[in-house]
Amino acid sequence: MTISTQASSVTVAGNGSTVAFNFSFIAGTASNIVVTYVNSTGTATVLSSSQYTLVINAPVAGQLWGVGGTVTYPISGSPIAAGTSITIQRILPLTQVVSISNQGDFYPDVVERALDTLCMELQQVATSSALALQLNPTSVGVSGILPPSAQLAGQLLGFNKL
């Protein structure tokens, strides 16, 4: 299967009436999905899988992965209010578990699934990297390595003109 989107997460704002939140990226398995609730003050709480229900769409004929699904939160009680949100993310372990032996049987689906997983892992790393502070490539002579945390205690991050 081709992976034709870079999406691996979605954030949906609460409105006081919606409890079913859809996502449109490949999920893989339920263990790959992390749901985070953000309250009105911006405090993020990773939800336990017992606090929501998750339905991952089944793969269509000829496909390896189901695309998209629905998270229902909360399972009971009031829907999340305006000013709050939930984020649904695909988080994969950064491991490679496929072993292909020399002169063994060849299963294209196994290879394709491994390549798809690698692509999803790269998307995950790219998303994390995009959120990090980065030096401009033209910052010649500037080190991007921070001193040890003991030296940073009580300090602010600031910049001077070079």
C-alpha atoms as a PDB file:
ATOM      1  CA  MET A   1       0.000   0.000   0.000  1.00  0.00           C
ATOM      2  CA  THR A   2       1.258   3.451  -0.684  1.00  0.00           C
ATOM      3  CA  ILE A   3       1.226   5.973   2.128  1.00  0.00           C
ATOM      4  CA  SER A   4      -0.014   9.050   0.351  1.00  0.00           C
ATOM      5  CA  THR A   5      -0.330  11.403   3.310  1.00  0.00           C
ATOM      6  CA  GLN A   6       2.072  12.669   5.939  1.00  0.00           C
ATOM      7  CA  ALA A   7      -0.720  12.956   8.505  1.00  0.00           C
ATOM      8  CA  SER A   8      -0.188  10.945  11.664  1.00  0.00           C
ATOM      9  CA  SER A   9      -2.248  12.993  14.090  1.00  0.00           C
ATOM     10  CA  VAL A  10      -5.288  15.189  14.329  1.00  0.00           C
ATOM     11  CA  THR A  11      -6.370  17.699  16.972  1.00  0.00           C
ATOM     12  CA  VAL A  12     -10.092  18.323  17.316  1.00  0.00           C
ATOM     13  CA  ALA A  13     -11.606  21.170  19.328  1.00  0.00           C
ATOM     14  CA  GLY A  14     -14.333  20.404  21.822  1.00  0.00           C
ATOM     15  CA  ASN A  15     -17.729  22.008  21.278  1.00  0.00           C
ATOM     16  CA  GLY A  16     -19.810  20.690  24.169  1.00  0.00           C
ATOM     17  CA  SER A  17     -21.751  18.242  22.000  1.00  0.00           C
ATOM     18  CA  THR A  18     -19.387  16.005  20.005  1.00  0.00           C
ATOM     19  CA  VAL A  19     -18.142  12.745  21.515  1.00  0.00           C
ATOM     20  CA  ALA A  20     -17.098  10.889  18.315  1.00  0.00           C
ATOM     21  CA  PHE A  21     -13.859  12.198  16.819  1.00  0.00           C
ATOM     22  CA  ASN A  22     -12.715  10.910  13.438  1.00  0.00           C
ATOM     23  CA  PHE A  23      -9.178  10.543  12.143  1.00  0.00           C
ATOM     24  CA  SER A  24      -8.084   9.775   8.586  1.00  0.00           C
ATOM     25  CA  PHE A  25      -4.559   8.365   8.878  1.00  0.00           C
ATOM     26  CA  ILE A  26      -3.353   4.757   9.011  1.00  0.00           C
ATOM     27  CA  ALA A  27      -3.521   3.582  12.604  1.00  0.00           C
ATOM     28  CA  GLY A  28      -2.124   0.067  12.364  1.00  0.00           C
ATOM     29  CA  THR A  29      -3.285  -1.314  15.705  1.00  0.00           C
ATOM     30  CA  ALA A  30      -4.971   0.117  18.795  1.00  0.00           C
ATOM     31  CA  SER A  31      -1.641   0.008  20.637  1.00  0.00           C
ATOM     32  CA  ASN A  32      -0.285   2.544  18.105  1.00  0.00           C
ATOM     33  CA  ILE A  33      -2.899   5.169  19.012  1.00  0.00           C
ATOM     34  CA  VAL A  34      -2.382   7.738  21.768  1.00  0.00           C
ATOM     35  CA  VAL A  35      -5.247  10.042  22.729  1.00  0.00           C
ATOM     36  CA  THR A  36      -4.475  13.231  24.664  1.00  0.00           C
ATOM     37  CA  TYR A  37      -7.028  15.559  26.259  1.00  0.00           C
ATOM     38  CA  VAL A  38      -6.084  19.242  26.600  1.00  0.00           C
ATOM     39  CA  ASN A  39      -8.143  21.248  29.096  1.00  0.00           C
ATOM     40  CA  SER A  40      -9.000  24.947  28.858  1.00  0.00           C
ATOM     41  CA  THR A  41      -5.787  25.970  30.652  1.00  0.00           C
ATOM     42  CA  GLY A  42      -3.631  24.023  28.196  1.00  0.00           C
ATOM     43  CA  THR A  43      -2.809  21.112  30.483  1.00  0.00           C
ATOM     44  CA  ALA A  44      -2.392  17.931  28.429  1.00  0.00           C
ATOM     45  CA  THR A  45      -3.368  14.541  29.839  1.00  0.00           C
ATOM     46  CA  VAL A  46      -2.693  11.290  27.989  1.00  0.00           C
ATOM     47  CA  LEU A  47      -5.853   9.230  28.307  1.00  0.00           C
ATOM     48  CA  SER A  48      -5.890   5.595  29.327  1.00  0.00           C
ATOM     49  CA  SER A  49      -7.428   3.306  26.705  1.00  0.00           C
ATOM     50  CA  SER A  50     -10.135   2.536  29.280  1.00  0.00           C
ATOM     51  CA  GLN A  51     -11.322   6.162  29.053  1.00  0.00           C
ATOM     52  CA  TYR A  52     -12.304   6.065  25.374  1.00  0.00           C
ATOM     53  CA  THR A  53     -13.358   3.632  22.678  1.00  0.00           C
ATOM     54  CA  LEU A  54     -11.392   3.249  19.479  1.00  0.00           C
ATOM     55  CA  VAL A  55     -12.615   1.871  16.180  1.00  0.00           C
ATOM     56  CA  ILE A  56     -10.057   1.479  13.394  1.00  0.00           C
ATOM     57  CA  ASN A  57     -11.517   1.105   9.924  1.00  0.00           C
ATOM     58  CA  ALA A  58     -10.947  -2.320   8.383  1.00  0.00           C
ATOM     59  CA  PRO A  59      -8.669  -2.556   5.337  1.00  0.00           C
ATOM     60  CA  VAL A  60     -10.479  -2.505   2.023  1.00  0.00           C
ATOM     61  CA  ALA A  61      -9.997  -5.505  -0.253  1.00  0.00           C
ATOM     62  CA  GLY A  62      -6.397  -5.819  -1.414  1.00  0.00           C
ATOM     63  CA  GLN A  63      -4.992  -3.375   1.170  1.00  0.00           C
ATOM     64  CA  LEU A  64      -2.756  -4.070   4.163  1.00  0.00           C
ATOM     65  CA  TRP A  65      -3.998  -1.293   6.432  1.00  0.00           C
ATOM     66  CA  GLY A  66      -7.281   0.209   7.457  1.00  0.00           C
ATOM     67  CA  VAL A  67      -7.304   3.952   6.978  1.00  0.00           C
ATOM     68  CA  GLY A  68      -8.921   6.136   9.622  1.00  0.00           C
ATOM     69  CA  GLY A  69     -11.275   5.449  12.430  1.00  0.00           C
ATOM     70  CA  THR A  70     -13.131   7.004  15.341  1.00  0.00           C
ATOM     71  CA  VAL A  71     -12.320   7.776  18.959  1.00  0.00           C
ATOM     72  CA  THR A  72     -15.323   8.163  21.259  1.00  0.00           C
ATOM     73  CA  TYR A  73     -14.562  10.287  24.309  1.00  0.00           C
ATOM     74  CA  PRO A  74     -15.819  10.410  26.927  1.00  0.00           C
ATOM     75  CA  ILE A  75     -17.456   7.001  27.089  1.00  0.00           C
ATOM     76  CA  SER A  76     -20.029   8.420  29.474  1.00  0.00           C
ATOM     77  CA  GLY A  77     -20.676  11.860  30.855  1.00  0.00           C
ATOM     78  CA  SER A  78     -20.626  15.279  29.261  1.00  0.00           C
ATOM     79  CA  PRO A  79     -18.891  15.899  25.930  1.00  0.00           C
ATOM     80  CA  ILE A  80     -15.704  17.947  26.080  1.00  0.00           C
ATOM     81  CA  ALA A  81     -16.371  21.670  26.280  1.00  0.00           C
ATOM     82  CA  ALA A  82     -15.451  24.482  23.920  1.00  0.00           C
ATOM     83  CA  GLY A  83     -11.918  25.637  24.688  1.00  0.00           C
ATOM     84  CA  THR A  84     -10.692  22.067  25.173  1.00  0.00           C
ATOM     85  CA  SER A  85      -9.459  19.560  22.611  1.00  0.00           C
ATOM     86  CA  ILE A  86      -8.299  16.025  22.009  1.00  0.00           C
ATOM     87  CA  THR A  87      -5.348  14.952  19.918  1.00  0.00           C
ATOM     88  CA  ILE A  88      -5.321  11.529  18.295  1.00  0.00           C
ATOM     89  CA  GLN A  89      -1.803  10.405  17.331  1.00  0.00           C
ATOM     90  CA  ARG A  90      -0.207   7.374  15.757  1.00  0.00           C
ATOM     91  CA  ILE A  91       2.905   6.574  17.813  1.00  0.00           C
ATOM     92  CA  LEU A  92       4.882   3.554  16.644  1.00  0.00           C
ATOM     93  CA  PRO A  93       7.734   1.871  18.460  1.00  0.00           C
ATOM     94  CA  LEU A  94      10.931   2.635  16.561  1.00  0.00           C
ATOM     95  CA  THR A  95      11.846  -1.004  16.063  1.00  0.00           C
ATOM     96  CA  GLN A  96      12.247  -3.327  13.089  1.00  0.00           C
ATOM     97  CA  VAL A  97      10.722  -6.740  13.731  1.00  0.00           C
ATOM     98  CA  VAL A  98      10.703  -8.260  10.240  1.00  0.00           C
ATOM     99  CA  SER A  99      13.317 -10.907   9.548  1.00  0.00           C
ATOM    100  CA  ILE A 100      13.781 -12.050   5.966  1.00  0.00           C
ATOM    101  CA  SER A 101      16.005 -15.079   5.584  1.00  0.00           C
ATOM    102  CA  ASN A 102      18.210 -15.920   2.649  1.00  0.00           C
ATOM    103  CA  GLN A 103      16.652 -18.532   0.338  1.00  0.00           C
ATOM    104  CA  GLY A 104      13.450 -18.516   2.366  1.00  0.00           C
ATOM    105  CA  ASP A 105       9.923 -17.939   1.103  1.00  0.00           C
ATOM    106  CA  PHE A 106       9.275 -14.439  -0.210  1.00  0.00           C
ATOM    107  CA  TYR A 107       6.061 -12.744   0.868  1.00  0.00           C
ATOM    108  CA  PRO A 108       5.627  -9.344  -0.793  1.00  0.00           C
ATOM    109  CA  ASP A 109       3.009  -8.344   1.800  1.00  0.00           C
ATOM    110  CA  VAL A 110       5.582  -8.781   4.583  1.00  0.00           C
ATOM    111  CA  VAL A 111       8.096  -6.578   2.778  1.00  0.00           C
ATOM    112  CA  GLU A 112       5.440  -3.991   1.932  1.00  0.00           C
ATOM    113  CA  ARG A 113       4.194  -3.889   5.525  1.00  0.00           C
ATOM    114  CA  ALA A 114       7.784  -3.384   6.755  1.00  0.00           C
ATOM    115  CA  LEU A 115       8.365  -0.553   4.259  1.00  0.00           C
ATOM    116  CA  ASP A 116       5.036   1.065   5.178  1.00  0.00           C
ATOM    117  CA  THR A 117       5.945   0.857   8.867  1.00  0.00           C
ATOM    118  CA  LEU A 118       9.322   2.434   8.173  1.00  0.00           C
ATOM    119  CA  CYS A 119       7.593   5.288   6.310  1.00  0.00           C
ATOM    120  CA  MET A 120       5.200   5.846   9.236  1.00  0.00           C
ATOM    121  CA  GLU A 121       8.125   5.827  11.695  1.00  0.00           C
ATOM    122  CA  LEU A 122       9.918   8.446   9.584  1.00  0.00           C
ATOM    123  CA  GLN A 123       6.759  10.579   9.557  1.00  0.00           C
ATOM    124  CA  GLN A 124       6.639  10.324  13.348  1.00  0.00           C
ATOM    125  CA  VAL A 125      10.279  11.415  13.704  1.00  0.00           C
ATOM    126  CA  ALA A 126       9.739  14.247  11.186  1.00  0.00           C
ATOM    127  CA  THR A 127       6.746  15.501  13.188  1.00  0.00           C
ATOM    128  CA  SER A 128       8.794  15.520  16.400  1.00  0.00           C
ATOM    129  CA  SER A 129      11.726  17.210  14.676  1.00  0.00           C
ATOM    130  CA  ALA A 130       9.490  19.925  13.257  1.00  0.00           C
ATOM    131  CA  LEU A 131       8.451  20.849  16.811  1.00  0.00           C
ATOM    132  CA  ALA A 132      12.040  21.192  18.037  1.00  0.00           C
ATOM    133  CA  LEU A 133      14.106  24.362  18.112  1.00  0.00           C
ATOM    134  CA  GLN A 134      16.362  24.335  15.083  1.00  0.00           C
ATOM    135  CA  LEU A 135      19.365  26.336  13.992  1.00  0.00           C
ATOM    136  CA  ASN A 136      19.260  27.964  10.603  1.00  0.00           C
ATOM    137  CA  PRO A 137      21.723  26.141   8.313  1.00  0.00           C
ATOM    138  CA  THR A 138      23.387  29.501   7.624  1.00  0.00           C
ATOM    139  CA  SER A 139      24.295  29.922  11.344  1.00  0.00           C
ATOM    140  CA  VAL A 140      27.981  29.246  10.751  1.00  0.00           C
ATOM    141  CA  GLY A 141      30.066  28.779  13.877  1.00  0.00           C
ATOM    142  CA  VAL A 142      27.078  28.399  16.198  1.00  0.00           C
ATOM    143  CA  SER A 143      26.808  25.222  18.254  1.00  0.00           C
ATOM    144  CA  GLY A 144      23.361  23.757  18.779  1.00  0.00           C
ATOM    145  CA  ILE A 145      24.430  21.860  21.871  1.00  0.00           C
ATOM    146  CA  LEU A 146      23.135  23.202  25.192  1.00  0.00           C
ATOM    147  CA  PRO A 147      25.278  23.036  28.326  1.00  0.00           C
ATOM    148  CA  PRO A 148      24.441  20.484  31.061  1.00  0.00           C
ATOM    149  CA  SER A 149      21.131  21.044  32.876  1.00  0.00           C
ATOM    150  CA  ALA A 150      22.929  22.042  36.108  1.00  0.00           C
ATOM    151  CA  GLN A 151      24.366  25.039  34.255  1.00  0.00           C
ATOM    152  CA  LEU A 152      20.954  25.928  32.802  1.00  0.00           C
ATOM    153  CA  ALA A 153      19.071  25.994  36.125  1.00  0.00           C
ATOM    154  CA  GLY A 154      17.436  29.382  36.649  1.00  0.00           C
ATOM    155  CA  GLN A 155      18.524  30.610  33.210  1.00  0.00           C
ATOM    156  CA  LEU A 156      16.543  31.926  30.265  1.00  0.00           C
ATOM    157  CA  LEU A 157      17.143  31.104  26.623  1.00  0.00           C
ATOM    158  CA  GLY A 158      18.022  34.232  24.694  1.00  0.00           C
ATOM    159  CA  PHE A 159      19.821  35.310  21.564  1.00  0.00           C
ATOM    160  CA  ASN A 160      22.275  38.046  20.686  1.00  0.00           C
ATOM    161  CA  LYS A 161      22.949  39.416  17.257  1.00  0.00           C
ATOM    162  CA  LEU A 162      25.967  37.652  15.747  1.00  0.00           C
END
